[in-house]
Amino acid sequence: MNCTKCGSELAPGKHFCTICGAPVAGAQQASPTTPLPPVLPAPGTTQSGPVVPPPAVAEKGRLADKATGWKVLAVVLAVLVAAGIVVGIIFIVKAAFPNKPTARISMVTVNREDGKKLDLKKVPLGVDLTVTALFEAKYPKGGRGTIKLYVESSSGEELIGKMFEVKSASGTQKQQYIVNMTAGSGKPVKAKAKLEVSSGSGTVVSDVRSSVFTAETGSLDEEDTDTELETARKNVQSDFDDLMTTAKTAVSAGIDISDVKNEIADLGVQIPGATSVEELDAIDTRIAELQVDLQARIADQ
């Protein structure tokens, strides 16, 4: 048998040509060397190079890492679920009470209108006092809000007061009323504010708050009574000015107020000619009714 590459005669049993080194066609090649098992260090000796943990230990570490990861994930999910529940409750409450009215009085104060210091334990007669109420009022369209500022005697009798319409707003509102004490018994009285808000569908909420003061004992003479009349006239004139502003707003919005236009003008003429507090109170009552009517027309526009 000759070498297929150089043509030299091949010796029997040879796998390579002894002349050129080419492999003999048809000869069985040596199989790849089988890798030997790793040599472990003898007991008591230190192995050099990186230490590979046994498969069981490595698997246990991986399981521990997975368990910790699942615990962290479980805690995160629990927090998210709890937050979702709280948000859901808030939305449910808002959906159940979308138009719930709010009525809350935060403060009622009594001060002198001229800004001078006032001793609430000895309030002088015949001095203009400003009763101020700070409050929150909120109601849906079609609802209504009113606040009444008044002075109540020690026996619970209303001495003087007035009702005001309030608007629906998200912030704090303020309403003031000027009073003038013409007589005092020496007993404490209350400057009170009563807020009432309705949703228009039957739901009504209210709040009451007061400030206690004591007027001087005695009463004013006829001259001082004139001062009381002028104080009442000033209050009514202020309410009339507010009514005129509302009327102008209605006209600007294209609302027909021809049915009350002449009456409003007549009330403006009556105020300067009123000769008693009672007469002024009647004028003021009608002004308040017209104010409510015009505000309702504007709201329905």
C-alpha atoms as a PDB file:
ATOM      1  CA  MET A   1       0.000   0.000   0.000  1.00  0.00           C
ATOM      2  CA  ASN A   2       1.443   3.358  -1.039  1.00  0.00           C
ATOM      3  CA  CYS A   3       1.017   6.889   0.466  1.00  0.00           C
ATOM      4  CA  THR A   4      -1.602   8.833  -1.397  1.00  0.00           C
ATOM      5  CA  LYS A   5       0.430  12.029  -1.021  1.00  0.00           C
ATOM      6  CA  CYS A   6       4.069  11.134  -1.810  1.00  0.00           C
ATOM      7  CA  GLY A   7       3.639   7.611  -3.277  1.00  0.00           C
ATOM      8  CA  SER A   8       6.063   5.954  -0.831  1.00  0.00           C
ATOM      9  CA  GLU A   9       5.375   2.406   0.300  1.00  0.00           C
ATOM     10  CA  LEU A  10       3.667   2.242   3.638  1.00  0.00           C
ATOM     11  CA  ALA A  11       4.615  -0.199   6.348  1.00  0.00           C
ATOM     12  CA  PRO A  12       1.746  -2.409   7.560  1.00  0.00           C
ATOM     13  CA  GLY A  13      -0.116  -1.146  10.677  1.00  0.00           C
ATOM     14  CA  LYS A  14       1.185   2.425  10.321  1.00  0.00           C
ATOM     15  CA  HIS A  15      -1.283   5.286  10.606  1.00  0.00           C
ATOM     16  CA  PHE A  16       1.053   7.915   9.105  1.00  0.00           C
ATOM     17  CA  CYS A  17       3.499   7.947   6.201  1.00  0.00           C
ATOM     18  CA  THR A  18       7.075   7.613   7.513  1.00  0.00           C
ATOM     19  CA  ILE A  19       8.298   9.813   4.639  1.00  0.00           C
ATOM     20  CA  CYS A  20       5.904  12.787   4.467  1.00  0.00           C
ATOM     21  CA  GLY A  21       3.835  12.255   7.625  1.00  0.00           C
ATOM     22  CA  ALA A  22       0.460  12.252   5.808  1.00  0.00           C
ATOM     23  CA  PRO A  23      -2.287  10.209   7.492  1.00  0.00           C
ATOM     24  CA  VAL A  24      -2.979   6.828   6.012  1.00  0.00           C
ATOM     25  CA  ALA A  25      -6.405   6.677   4.358  1.00  0.00           C
ATOM     26  CA  GLY A  26      -8.836   4.363   6.181  1.00  0.00           C
ATOM     27  CA  ALA A  27      -6.771   4.216   9.400  1.00  0.00           C
ATOM     28  CA  GLN A  28      -8.767   4.717  12.703  1.00  0.00           C
ATOM     29  CA  GLN A  29      -7.846   7.992  14.406  1.00  0.00           C
ATOM     30  CA  ALA A  30      -7.225   8.237  18.120  1.00  0.00           C
ATOM     31  CA  SER A  31     -10.276   9.339  20.112  1.00  0.00           C
ATOM     32  CA  PRO A  32     -10.122  12.649  22.023  1.00  0.00           C
ATOM     33  CA  THR A  33      -8.531  12.445  25.369  1.00  0.00           C
ATOM     34  CA  THR A  34     -11.120  11.998  28.166  1.00  0.00           C
ATOM     35  CA  PRO A  35     -10.757  14.814  30.739  1.00  0.00           C
ATOM     36  CA  LEU A  36      -9.412  13.701  34.039  1.00  0.00           C
ATOM     37  CA  PRO A  37     -11.389  14.405  37.237  1.00  0.00           C
ATOM     38  CA  PRO A  38     -10.228  17.409  39.242  1.00  0.00           C
ATOM     39  CA  VAL A  39      -7.480  16.757  41.682  1.00  0.00           C
ATOM     40  CA  LEU A  40      -8.636  17.607  45.206  1.00  0.00           C
ATOM     41  CA  PRO A  41      -6.096  18.815  47.762  1.00  0.00           C
ATOM     42  CA  ALA A  42      -4.960  16.386  50.352  1.00  0.00           C
ATOM     43  CA  PRO A  43      -6.391  16.753  53.862  1.00  0.00           C
ATOM     44  CA  GLY A  44      -4.659  19.497  55.836  1.00  0.00           C
ATOM     45  CA  THR A  45      -3.388  21.328  52.713  1.00  0.00           C
ATOM     46  CA  THR A  46      -4.595  24.671  51.287  1.00  0.00           C
ATOM     47  CA  GLN A  47      -5.920  24.806  47.737  1.00  0.00           C
ATOM     48  CA  SER A  48      -4.661  27.680  45.611  1.00  0.00           C
ATOM     49  CA  GLY A  49      -6.958  29.604  43.231  1.00  0.00           C
ATOM     50  CA  PRO A  50     -10.667  30.405  43.577  1.00  0.00           C
ATOM     51  CA  VAL A  51     -12.724  28.137  45.804  1.00  0.00           C
ATOM     52  CA  VAL A  52     -15.817  26.785  44.098  1.00  0.00           C
ATOM     53  CA  PRO A  53     -18.582  25.977  46.601  1.00  0.00           C
ATOM     54  CA  PRO A  54     -20.143  22.552  46.423  1.00  0.00           C
ATOM     55  CA  PRO A  55     -23.282  22.433  44.241  1.00  0.00           C
ATOM     56  CA  ALA A  56     -25.574  21.936  47.279  1.00  0.00           C
ATOM     57  CA  VAL A  57     -24.213  25.061  49.054  1.00  0.00           C
ATOM     58  CA  ALA A  58     -24.490  27.239  45.915  1.00  0.00           C
ATOM     59  CA  GLU A  59     -28.055  26.101  45.322  1.00  0.00           C
ATOM     60  CA  LYS A  60     -28.967  26.872  48.968  1.00  0.00           C
ATOM     61  CA  GLY A  61     -27.580  30.425  48.569  1.00  0.00           C
ATOM     62  CA  ARG A  62     -29.570  30.988  45.414  1.00  0.00           C
ATOM     63  CA  LEU A  63     -32.755  29.806  47.166  1.00  0.00           C
ATOM     64  CA  ALA A  64     -32.084  32.161  50.085  1.00  0.00           C
ATOM     65  CA  ASP A  65     -31.637  35.099  47.687  1.00  0.00           C
ATOM     66  CA  LYS A  66     -34.887  34.218  45.928  1.00  0.00           C
ATOM     67  CA  ALA A  67     -36.742  33.976  49.276  1.00  0.00           C
ATOM     68  CA  THR A  68     -35.481  37.443  50.301  1.00  0.00           C
ATOM     69  CA  GLY A  69     -36.518  38.865  46.937  1.00  0.00           C
ATOM     70  CA  TRP A  70     -40.019  37.430  47.281  1.00  0.00           C
ATOM     71  CA  LYS A  71     -40.335  38.877  50.788  1.00  0.00           C
ATOM     72  CA  VAL A  72     -39.363  42.356  49.555  1.00  0.00           C
ATOM     73  CA  LEU A  73     -41.781  42.050  46.638  1.00  0.00           C
ATOM     74  CA  ALA A  74     -44.555  40.938  49.024  1.00  0.00           C
ATOM     75  CA  VAL A  75     -43.980  43.980  51.272  1.00  0.00           C
ATOM     76  CA  VAL A  76     -44.014  46.372  48.296  1.00  0.00           C
ATOM     77  CA  LEU A  77     -47.211  44.839  46.962  1.00  0.00           C
ATOM     78  CA  ALA A  78     -48.844  45.073  50.413  1.00  0.00           C
ATOM     79  CA  VAL A  79     -47.982  48.788  50.630  1.00  0.00           C
ATOM     80  CA  LEU A  80     -49.342  49.430  47.136  1.00  0.00           C
ATOM     81  CA  VAL A  81     -52.538  47.530  47.893  1.00  0.00           C
ATOM     82  CA  ALA A  82     -53.033  49.472  51.134  1.00  0.00           C
ATOM     83  CA  ALA A  83     -52.468  52.770  49.335  1.00  0.00           C
ATOM     84  CA  GLY A  84     -54.894  51.699  46.657  1.00  0.00           C
ATOM     85  CA  ILE A  85     -57.506  50.869  49.286  1.00  0.00           C
ATOM     86  CA  VAL A  86     -57.141  54.314  50.917  1.00  0.00           C
ATOM     87  CA  VAL A  87     -57.426  56.083  47.567  1.00  0.00           C
ATOM     88  CA  GLY A  88     -60.391  53.927  46.702  1.00  0.00           C
ATOM     89  CA  ILE A  89     -62.134  54.799  49.961  1.00  0.00           C
ATOM     90  CA  ILE A  90     -61.593  58.506  49.296  1.00  0.00           C
ATOM     91  CA  PHE A  91     -63.098  58.195  45.824  1.00  0.00           C
ATOM     92  CA  ILE A  92     -66.028  56.184  47.186  1.00  0.00           C
ATOM     93  CA  VAL A  93     -66.767  58.799  49.847  1.00  0.00           C
ATOM     94  CA  LYS A  94     -66.553  61.606  47.298  1.00  0.00           C
ATOM     95  CA  ALA A  95     -68.810  59.700  44.942  1.00  0.00           C
ATOM     96  CA  ALA A  96     -71.331  59.018  47.703  1.00  0.00           C
ATOM     97  CA  PHE A  97     -71.377  62.650  48.909  1.00  0.00           C
ATOM     98  CA  PRO A  98     -70.443  64.752  45.858  1.00  0.00           C
ATOM     99  CA  ASN A  99     -72.465  67.815  46.877  1.00  0.00           C
ATOM    100  CA  LYS A 100     -72.313  67.691  50.654  1.00  0.00           C
ATOM    101  CA  PRO A 101     -72.665  71.276  51.949  1.00  0.00           C
ATOM    102  CA  THR A 102     -70.196  72.784  54.407  1.00  0.00           C
ATOM    103  CA  ALA A 103     -70.945  75.284  57.189  1.00  0.00           C
ATOM    104  CA  ARG A 104     -68.185  76.128  59.671  1.00  0.00           C
ATOM    105  CA  ILE A 105     -67.644  79.339  61.689  1.00  0.00           C
ATOM    106  CA  SER A 106     -64.056  79.784  62.846  1.00  0.00           C
ATOM    107  CA  MET A 107     -64.295  83.108  64.693  1.00  0.00           C
ATOM    108  CA  VAL A 108     -66.638  85.854  65.913  1.00  0.00           C
ATOM    109  CA  THR A 109     -65.129  89.115  67.167  1.00  0.00           C
ATOM    110  CA  VAL A 110     -66.408  92.453  68.500  1.00  0.00           C
ATOM    111  CA  ASN A 111     -64.389  95.648  67.938  1.00  0.00           C
ATOM    112  CA  ARG A 112     -64.938  99.377  67.811  1.00  0.00           C
ATOM    113  CA  GLU A 113     -65.500 100.614  64.281  1.00  0.00           C
ATOM    114  CA  ASP A 114     -63.197 103.574  64.876  1.00  0.00           C
ATOM    115  CA  GLY A 115     -60.340 101.173  65.666  1.00  0.00           C
ATOM    116  CA  LYS A 116     -59.920 102.282  69.279  1.00  0.00           C
ATOM    117  CA  LYS A 117     -59.198  99.717  71.981  1.00  0.00           C
ATOM    118  CA  LEU A 118     -62.314  98.046  73.347  1.00  0.00           C
ATOM    119  CA  ASP A 119     -62.773  96.550  76.803  1.00  0.00           C
ATOM    120  CA  LEU A 120     -65.287  93.735  76.295  1.00  0.00           C
ATOM    121  CA  LYS A 121     -66.138  93.822  80.007  1.00  0.00           C
ATOM    122  CA  LYS A 122     -67.258  97.459  79.767  1.00  0.00           C
ATOM    123  CA  VAL A 123     -68.493  98.360  76.289  1.00  0.00           C
ATOM    124  CA  PRO A 124     -69.623 102.012  76.080  1.00  0.00           C
ATOM    125  CA  LEU A 125     -73.161 102.824  74.914  1.00  0.00           C
ATOM    126  CA  GLY A 126     -73.740 104.746  71.712  1.00  0.00           C
ATOM    127  CA  VAL A 127     -70.487 103.541  70.090  1.00  0.00           C
ATOM    128  CA  ASP A 128     -70.503 101.783  66.730  1.00  0.00           C
ATOM    129  CA  LEU A 129     -69.301  98.210  67.156  1.00  0.00           C
ATOM    130  CA  THR A 130     -68.265  95.911  64.346  1.00  0.00           C
ATOM    131  CA  VAL A 131     -69.286  92.268  64.726  1.00  0.00           C
ATOM    132  CA  THR A 132     -67.085  90.188  62.409  1.00  0.00           C
ATOM    133  CA  ALA A 133     -67.507  86.517  61.536  1.00  0.00           C
ATOM    134  CA  LEU A 134     -64.972  84.348  59.700  1.00  0.00           C
ATOM    135  CA  PHE A 135     -66.493  81.228  58.199  1.00  0.00           C
ATOM    136  CA  GLU A 136     -66.454  78.561  55.487  1.00  0.00           C
ATOM    137  CA  ALA A 137     -69.536  77.910  53.357  1.00  0.00           C
ATOM    138  CA  LYS A 138     -69.836  75.545  50.407  1.00  0.00           C
ATOM    139  CA  TYR A 139     -72.896  74.260  48.574  1.00  0.00           C
ATOM    140  CA  PRO A 140     -73.735  72.980  45.052  1.00  0.00           C
ATOM    141  CA  LYS A 141     -75.594  74.874  42.366  1.00  0.00           C
ATOM    142  CA  GLY A 142     -79.177  75.302  43.432  1.00  0.00           C
ATOM    143  CA  GLY A 143     -78.213  75.442  47.108  1.00  0.00           C
ATOM    144  CA  ARG A 144     -78.177  78.429  49.415  1.00  0.00           C
ATOM    145  CA  GLY A 145     -76.164  79.837  52.293  1.00  0.00           C
ATOM    146  CA  THR A 146     -77.054  82.462  54.897  1.00  0.00           C
ATOM    147  CA  ILE A 147     -75.347  83.886  57.944  1.00  0.00           C
ATOM    148  CA  LYS A 148     -77.084  85.875  60.640  1.00  0.00           C
ATOM    149  CA  LEU A 149     -75.137  88.289  62.837  1.00  0.00           C
ATOM    150  CA  TYR A 150     -76.970  89.475  65.942  1.00  0.00           C
ATOM    151  CA  VAL A 151     -76.734  90.432  69.587  1.00  0.00           C
ATOM    152  CA  GLU A 152     -78.488  88.228  72.128  1.00  0.00           C
ATOM    153  CA  SER A 153     -79.365  89.287  75.679  1.00  0.00           C
ATOM    154  CA  SER A 154     -78.482  87.301  78.785  1.00  0.00           C
ATOM    155  CA  SER A 155     -82.022  85.832  78.692  1.00  0.00           C
ATOM    156  CA  GLY A 156     -81.605  84.634  75.070  1.00  0.00           C
ATOM    157  CA  GLU A 157     -83.665  87.437  73.477  1.00  0.00           C
ATOM    158  CA  GLU A 158     -82.445  88.819  70.138  1.00  0.00           C
ATOM    159  CA  LEU A 159     -81.767  92.544  70.551  1.00  0.00           C
ATOM    160  CA  ILE A 160     -80.564  93.514  67.096  1.00  0.00           C
ATOM    161  CA  GLY A 161     -79.366  91.576  64.060  1.00  0.00           C
ATOM    162  CA  LYS A 162     -79.361  90.985  60.345  1.00  0.00           C
ATOM    163  CA  MET A 163     -79.337  88.110  57.846  1.00  0.00           C
ATOM    164  CA  PHE A 164     -76.827  87.996  54.972  1.00  0.00           C
ATOM    165  CA  GLU A 165     -76.611  85.789  51.884  1.00  0.00           C
ATOM    166  CA  VAL A 166     -73.269  83.996  51.504  1.00  0.00           C
ATOM    167  CA  LYS A 167     -71.641  82.571  48.409  1.00  0.00           C
ATOM    168  CA  SER A 168     -70.219  79.102  47.958  1.00  0.00           C
ATOM    169  CA  ALA A 169     -66.416  79.227  48.119  1.00  0.00           C
ATOM    170  CA  SER A 170     -63.500  76.939  48.951  1.00  0.00           C
ATOM    171  CA  GLY A 171     -61.734  79.462  51.181  1.00  0.00           C
ATOM    172  CA  THR A 172     -62.527  81.501  54.292  1.00  0.00           C
ATOM    173  CA  GLN A 173     -65.142  84.245  53.991  1.00  0.00           C
ATOM    174  CA  LYS A 174     -65.869  87.287  56.159  1.00  0.00           C
ATOM    175  CA  GLN A 175     -69.072  89.103  57.047  1.00  0.00           C
ATOM    176  CA  GLN A 176     -69.450  92.195  59.229  1.00  0.00           C
ATOM    177  CA  TYR A 177     -72.331  93.992  60.875  1.00  0.00           C
ATOM    178  CA  ILE A 178     -72.364  97.306  62.753  1.00  0.00           C
ATOM    179  CA  VAL A 179     -74.298  97.466  66.021  1.00  0.00           C
ATOM    180  CA  ASN A 180     -74.766 100.248  68.537  1.00  0.00           C
ATOM    181  CA  MET A 181     -75.779  99.454  72.106  1.00  0.00           C
ATOM    182  CA  THR A 182     -78.245 102.078  73.384  1.00  0.00           C
ATOM    183  CA  ALA A 183     -78.949 100.381  76.707  1.00  0.00           C
ATOM    184  CA  GLY A 184     -77.174  98.026  79.054  1.00  0.00           C
ATOM    185  CA  SER A 185     -78.222  96.002  82.093  1.00  0.00           C
ATOM    186  CA  GLY A 186     -74.726  95.237  83.313  1.00  0.00           C
ATOM    187  CA  LYS A 187     -75.202  91.576  82.397  1.00  0.00           C
ATOM    188  CA  PRO A 188     -73.115  89.833  79.720  1.00  0.00           C
ATOM    189  CA  VAL A 189     -74.616  89.635  76.217  1.00  0.00           C
ATOM    190  CA  LYS A 190     -73.491  87.680  73.163  1.00  0.00           C
ATOM    191  CA  ALA A 191     -72.548  88.761  69.679  1.00  0.00           C
ATOM    192  CA  LYS A 192     -73.547  85.664  67.727  1.00  0.00           C
ATOM    193  CA  ALA A 193     -73.196  84.306  64.223  1.00  0.00           C
ATOM    194  CA  LYS A 194     -75.417  81.547  62.881  1.00  0.00           C
ATOM    195  CA  LEU A 195     -74.412  79.998  59.561  1.00  0.00           C
ATOM    196  CA  GLU A 196     -76.809  77.767  57.634  1.00  0.00           C
ATOM    197  CA  VAL A 197     -76.109  76.069  54.309  1.00  0.00           C
ATOM    198  CA  SER A 198     -78.457  73.913  52.235  1.00  0.00           C
ATOM    199  CA  SER A 199     -77.711  71.688  49.248  1.00  0.00           C
ATOM    200  CA  GLY A 200     -80.995  72.435  47.492  1.00  0.00           C
ATOM    201  CA  SER A 201     -82.063  68.802  47.825  1.00  0.00           C
ATOM    202  CA  GLY A 202     -83.024  68.876  51.496  1.00  0.00           C
ATOM    203  CA  THR A 203     -79.622  68.537  53.176  1.00  0.00           C
ATOM    204  CA  VAL A 204     -79.000  71.366  55.652  1.00  0.00           C
ATOM    205  CA  VAL A 205     -75.926  71.954  57.826  1.00  0.00           C
ATOM    206  CA  SER A 206     -75.379  74.795  60.284  1.00  0.00           C
ATOM    207  CA  ASP A 207     -72.966  76.191  62.827  1.00  0.00           C
ATOM    208  CA  VAL A 208     -73.217  78.779  65.623  1.00  0.00           C
ATOM    209  CA  ARG A 209     -70.457  80.714  67.372  1.00  0.00           C
ATOM    210  CA  SER A 210     -70.487  83.694  69.734  1.00  0.00           C
ATOM    211  CA  SER A 211     -68.370  86.291  71.530  1.00  0.00           C
ATOM    212  CA  VAL A 212     -69.381  87.554  74.982  1.00  0.00           C
ATOM    213  CA  PHE A 213     -69.234  91.209  76.036  1.00  0.00           C
ATOM    214  CA  THR A 214     -70.871  93.448  78.622  1.00  0.00           C
ATOM    215  CA  ALA A 215     -72.351  96.870  77.858  1.00  0.00           C
ATOM    216  CA  GLU A 216     -72.321  99.710  80.368  1.00  0.00           C
ATOM    217  CA  THR A 217     -75.338  99.921  82.648  1.00  0.00           C
ATOM    218  CA  GLY A 218     -77.897 102.564  81.670  1.00  0.00           C
ATOM    219  CA  SER A 219     -79.599 103.900  78.531  1.00  0.00           C
ATOM    220  CA  LEU A 220     -79.106 106.703  76.038  1.00  0.00           C
ATOM    221  CA  ASP A 221     -81.199 109.870  75.998  1.00  0.00           C
ATOM    222  CA  GLU A 222     -83.051 111.236  72.956  1.00  0.00           C
ATOM    223  CA  GLU A 223     -79.914 112.703  71.482  1.00  0.00           C
ATOM    224  CA  ASP A 224     -78.180 109.367  71.643  1.00  0.00           C
ATOM    225  CA  THR A 225     -81.248 107.733  70.060  1.00  0.00           C
ATOM    226  CA  ASP A 226     -80.584 109.881  67.012  1.00  0.00           C
ATOM    227  CA  THR A 227     -77.155 108.300  66.852  1.00  0.00           C
ATOM    228  CA  GLU A 228     -78.784 104.870  66.811  1.00  0.00           C
ATOM    229  CA  LEU A 229     -81.020 105.965  63.917  1.00  0.00           C
ATOM    230  CA  GLU A 230     -78.069 107.150  61.897  1.00  0.00           C
ATOM    231  CA  THR A 231     -76.198 103.917  62.574  1.00  0.00           C
ATOM    232  CA  ALA A 232     -79.185 101.929  61.303  1.00  0.00           C
ATOM    233  CA  ARG A 233     -79.422 104.198  58.251  1.00  0.00           C
ATOM    234  CA  LYS A 234     -75.749 103.577  57.511  1.00  0.00           C
ATOM    235  CA  ASN A 235     -76.282  99.795  57.636  1.00  0.00           C
ATOM    236  CA  VAL A 236     -79.320  99.930  55.337  1.00  0.00           C
ATOM    237  CA  GLN A 237     -77.507 102.196  52.862  1.00  0.00           C
ATOM    238  CA  SER A 238     -74.619  99.701  52.732  1.00  0.00           C
ATOM    239  CA  ASP A 239     -77.072  96.873  51.979  1.00  0.00           C
ATOM    240  CA  PHE A 240     -78.726  98.971  49.282  1.00  0.00           C
ATOM    241  CA  ASP A 241     -75.356  99.606  47.640  1.00  0.00           C
ATOM    242  CA  ASP A 242     -74.790  95.831  47.548  1.00  0.00           C
ATOM    243  CA  LEU A 243     -78.214  95.388  45.944  1.00  0.00           C
ATOM    244  CA  MET A 244     -77.376  97.927  43.256  1.00  0.00           C
ATOM    245  CA  THR A 245     -74.132  96.062  42.492  1.00  0.00           C
ATOM    246  CA  THR A 246     -76.076  92.798  42.113  1.00  0.00           C
ATOM    247  CA  ALA A 247     -78.638  94.513  39.855  1.00  0.00           C
ATOM    248  CA  LYS A 248     -75.882  95.843  37.586  1.00  0.00           C
ATOM    249  CA  THR A 249     -74.347  92.348  37.404  1.00  0.00           C
ATOM    250  CA  ALA A 250     -77.711  90.909  36.376  1.00  0.00           C
ATOM    251  CA  VAL A 251     -78.205  93.514  33.657  1.00  0.00           C
ATOM    252  CA  SER A 252     -74.668  92.915  32.324  1.00  0.00           C
ATOM    253  CA  ALA A 253     -75.509  89.203  32.100  1.00  0.00           C
ATOM    254  CA  GLY A 254     -78.563  89.987  29.966  1.00  0.00           C
ATOM    255  CA  ILE A 255     -81.098  89.185  32.698  1.00  0.00           C
ATOM    256  CA  ASP A 256     -84.415  91.038  32.602  1.00  0.00           C
ATOM    257  CA  ILE A 257     -85.033  92.853  35.927  1.00  0.00           C
ATOM    258  CA  SER A 258     -87.629  95.323  34.663  1.00  0.00           C
ATOM    259  CA  ASP A 259     -90.181  93.928  37.158  1.00  0.00           C
ATOM    260  CA  VAL A 260     -88.116  95.099  40.155  1.00  0.00           C
ATOM    261  CA  LYS A 261     -86.129  97.976  38.693  1.00  0.00           C
ATOM    262  CA  ASN A 262     -88.564 100.716  39.816  1.00  0.00           C
ATOM    263  CA  GLU A 263     -88.959  99.202  43.287  1.00  0.00           C
ATOM    264  CA  ILE A 264     -85.203  99.197  43.795  1.00  0.00           C
ATOM    265  CA  ALA A 265     -85.070 102.871  42.854  1.00  0.00           C
ATOM    266  CA  ASP A 266     -87.894 103.695  45.309  1.00  0.00           C
ATOM    267  CA  LEU A 267     -86.079 101.955  48.155  1.00  0.00           C
ATOM    268  CA  GLY A 268     -83.019 104.101  47.484  1.00  0.00           C
ATOM    269  CA  VAL A 269     -85.179 107.217  47.913  1.00  0.00           C
ATOM    270  CA  GLN A 270     -86.824 105.953  51.116  1.00  0.00           C
ATOM    271  CA  ILE A 271     -83.591 105.380  53.033  1.00  0.00           C
ATOM    272  CA  PRO A 272     -82.621 109.054  53.553  1.00  0.00           C
ATOM    273  CA  GLY A 273     -86.205 109.980  54.504  1.00  0.00           C
ATOM    274  CA  ALA A 274     -86.755 107.249  57.134  1.00  0.00           C
ATOM    275  CA  THR A 275     -87.469 108.685  60.587  1.00  0.00           C
ATOM    276  CA  SER A 276     -87.256 105.582  62.753  1.00  0.00           C
ATOM    277  CA  VAL A 277     -85.196 102.467  63.197  1.00  0.00           C
ATOM    278  CA  GLU A 278     -88.323 100.366  62.630  1.00  0.00           C
ATOM    279  CA  GLU A 279     -88.923 102.007  59.252  1.00  0.00           C
ATOM    280  CA  LEU A 280     -85.353 101.390  58.238  1.00  0.00           C
ATOM    281  CA  ASP A 281     -85.634  97.751  59.348  1.00  0.00           C
ATOM    282  CA  ALA A 282     -88.637  97.281  57.031  1.00  0.00           C
ATOM    283  CA  ILE A 283     -86.726  98.804  54.109  1.00  0.00           C
ATOM    284  CA  ASP A 284     -83.737  96.589  54.887  1.00  0.00           C
ATOM    285  CA  THR A 285     -85.919  93.475  54.944  1.00  0.00           C
ATOM    286  CA  ARG A 286     -87.213  94.214  51.440  1.00  0.00           C
ATOM    287  CA  ILE A 287     -83.681  94.929  50.218  1.00  0.00           C
ATOM    288  CA  ALA A 288     -82.571  91.513  51.485  1.00  0.00           C
ATOM    289  CA  GLU A 289     -85.494  89.790  49.695  1.00  0.00           C
ATOM    290  CA  LEU A 290     -84.642  91.494  46.399  1.00  0.00           C
ATOM    291  CA  GLN A 291     -80.982  90.593  46.854  1.00  0.00           C
ATOM    292  CA  VAL A 292     -81.862  86.912  47.192  1.00  0.00           C
ATOM    293  CA  ASP A 293     -84.149  87.086  44.143  1.00  0.00           C
ATOM    294  CA  LEU A 294     -81.529  88.676  41.885  1.00  0.00           C
ATOM    295  CA  GLN A 295     -78.780  86.320  43.038  1.00  0.00           C
ATOM    296  CA  ALA A 296     -81.029  83.361  42.217  1.00  0.00           C
ATOM    297  CA  ARG A 297     -81.653  84.738  38.716  1.00  0.00           C
ATOM    298  CA  ILE A 298     -77.928  85.137  38.139  1.00  0.00           C
ATOM    299  CA  ALA A 299     -77.242  81.612  39.380  1.00  0.00           C
ATOM    300  CA  ASP A 300     -79.862  80.151  37.034  1.00  0.00           C
ATOM    301  CA  GLN A 301     -78.491  82.046  34.036  1.00  0.00           C
END
